[in-house]
């Protein structure tokens, strides 16, 4: 939970509000519609797309010991989602790469 809270604080520094939740040995940092960062204490990981050929999600990950750089990477993904028009009102397209 501490590492997830560190990521939350780093995201706050770049102007992105996020919520932290924990349970079942994982912490979740809820950033935006379609952007949830999982943390197991050793790494952060988040969904970055969809592999149509394999019919599965594609994830990015970053070591939890570096929440500052992880926050910058998550912020880029956040910007991509915002630019693509994902919003809490419309929700993500299940076939789109969130």
Protein backbone atom coordinates (compact mmCIF):
# COMPACT_ATOMS: atom_id res chain seq x y z
CA UNK A 1 0.00 0.00 0.00
CA UNK A 2 2.91 2.36 0.75
CA UNK A 3 4.26 2.13 -2.80
CA UNK A 4 0.81 2.79 -4.27
CA UNK A 5 0.46 5.84 -2.03
CA UNK A 6 3.88 7.02 -3.23
CA UNK A 7 2.66 6.74 -6.82
CA UNK A 8 -0.50 8.63 -5.88
CA UNK A 9 1.61 11.44 -4.38
CA UNK A 10 3.83 11.62 -7.47
CA UNK A 11 0.76 11.76 -9.72
CA UNK A 12 -0.60 14.57 -7.56
CA UNK A 13 2.66 16.47 -8.18
CA UNK A 14 1.94 16.43 -11.92
CA UNK A 15 -1.68 17.46 -11.42
CA UNK A 16 -3.39 14.07 -11.67
CA UNK A 17 -5.78 13.06 -8.91
CA UNK A 18 -5.95 9.35 -8.11
CA UNK A 19 -7.52 7.10 -5.48
CA UNK A 20 -5.78 4.20 -3.75
CA UNK A 21 -7.55 0.98 -2.74
CA UNK A 22 -6.16 -2.22 -1.29
CA UNK A 23 -7.16 -5.81 -0.91
CA UNK A 24 -6.13 -9.36 -1.71
CA UNK A 25 -2.42 -8.51 -1.47
CA UNK A 26 -2.57 -5.79 -4.14
CA UNK A 27 -3.06 -2.06 -4.11
CA UNK A 28 -4.92 -0.32 -6.93
CA UNK A 29 -4.36 3.25 -8.00
CA UNK A 30 -7.46 4.40 -9.84
CA UNK A 31 -6.40 7.19 -12.18
CA UNK A 32 -8.99 7.53 -14.97
CA UNK A 33 -11.60 5.53 -16.84
CA UNK A 34 -9.67 2.61 -18.28
CA UNK A 35 -6.51 3.44 -16.32
CA UNK A 36 -5.94 1.47 -13.15
CA UNK A 37 -2.42 0.84 -11.87
CA UNK A 38 -1.89 -2.32 -9.87
CA UNK A 39 0.91 -2.61 -7.31
CA UNK A 40 2.19 -5.69 -5.50
CA UNK A 41 4.93 -3.83 -3.61
CA UNK A 42 7.58 -4.74 -6.18
CA UNK A 43 6.17 -3.32 -9.41
CA UNK A 44 3.43 -1.19 -10.88
CA UNK A 45 1.57 -2.36 -13.96
CA UNK A 46 -1.22 -0.91 -16.07
CA UNK A 47 -3.05 -1.72 -19.26
CA UNK A 48 -1.77 0.02 -22.39
CA UNK A 49 -3.61 -1.70 -25.18
CA UNK A 50 -5.11 -4.73 -26.79
CA UNK A 51 -3.32 -7.40 -28.84
CA UNK A 52 -5.92 -8.24 -31.48
CA UNK A 53 -3.96 -11.20 -32.76
CA UNK A 54 -3.67 -12.84 -29.33
CA UNK A 55 -6.99 -11.48 -28.06
CA UNK A 56 -5.54 -10.21 -24.80
CA UNK A 57 -4.53 -7.05 -22.99
CA UNK A 58 -1.06 -5.56 -23.24
CA UNK A 59 0.49 -4.15 -20.07
CA UNK A 60 3.32 -1.81 -19.18
CA UNK A 61 5.17 -2.17 -15.90
CA UNK A 62 7.65 -0.25 -13.83
CA UNK A 63 9.61 -1.04 -10.62
CA UNK A 64 7.79 0.18 -7.52
CA UNK A 65 11.05 1.55 -6.11
CA UNK A 66 10.85 4.36 -8.69
CA UNK A 67 7.37 5.90 -8.26
CA UNK A 68 8.45 9.23 -9.74
CA UNK A 69 9.31 7.79 -13.15
CA UNK A 70 6.35 5.41 -12.99
CA UNK A 71 4.10 8.43 -12.41
CA UNK A 72 5.52 10.14 -15.50
CA UNK A 73 4.81 7.04 -17.59
CA UNK A 74 1.30 6.75 -16.18
CA UNK A 75 0.80 10.48 -16.87
CA UNK A 76 1.62 9.91 -20.54
CA UNK A 77 -0.99 7.13 -20.70
CA UNK A 78 -3.47 9.39 -18.92
CA UNK A 79 -2.84 12.10 -21.51
CA UNK A 80 -3.37 9.61 -24.35
CA UNK A 81 -6.70 8.49 -22.88
CA UNK A 82 -7.86 12.06 -22.31
CA UNK A 83 -6.89 13.04 -25.86
CA UNK A 84 -8.68 9.99 -27.28
CA UNK A 85 -11.86 11.19 -25.62
CA UNK A 86 -12.25 8.65 -22.85
CA UNK A 87 -14.33 10.30 -20.17
CA UNK A 88 -16.18 9.21 -17.05
CA UNK A 89 -19.46 10.04 -18.80
CA UNK A 90 -18.88 8.00 -21.94
CA UNK A 91 -16.78 5.17 -20.53
CA UNK A 92 -14.16 3.28 -22.49
CA UNK A 93 -14.83 1.31 -25.62
CA UNK A 94 -14.31 -2.35 -24.61
CA UNK A 95 -12.52 -3.02 -27.93
CA UNK A 96 -10.37 0.10 -27.69
CA UNK A 97 -6.88 0.10 -26.24
CA UNK A 98 -7.30 1.81 -22.85
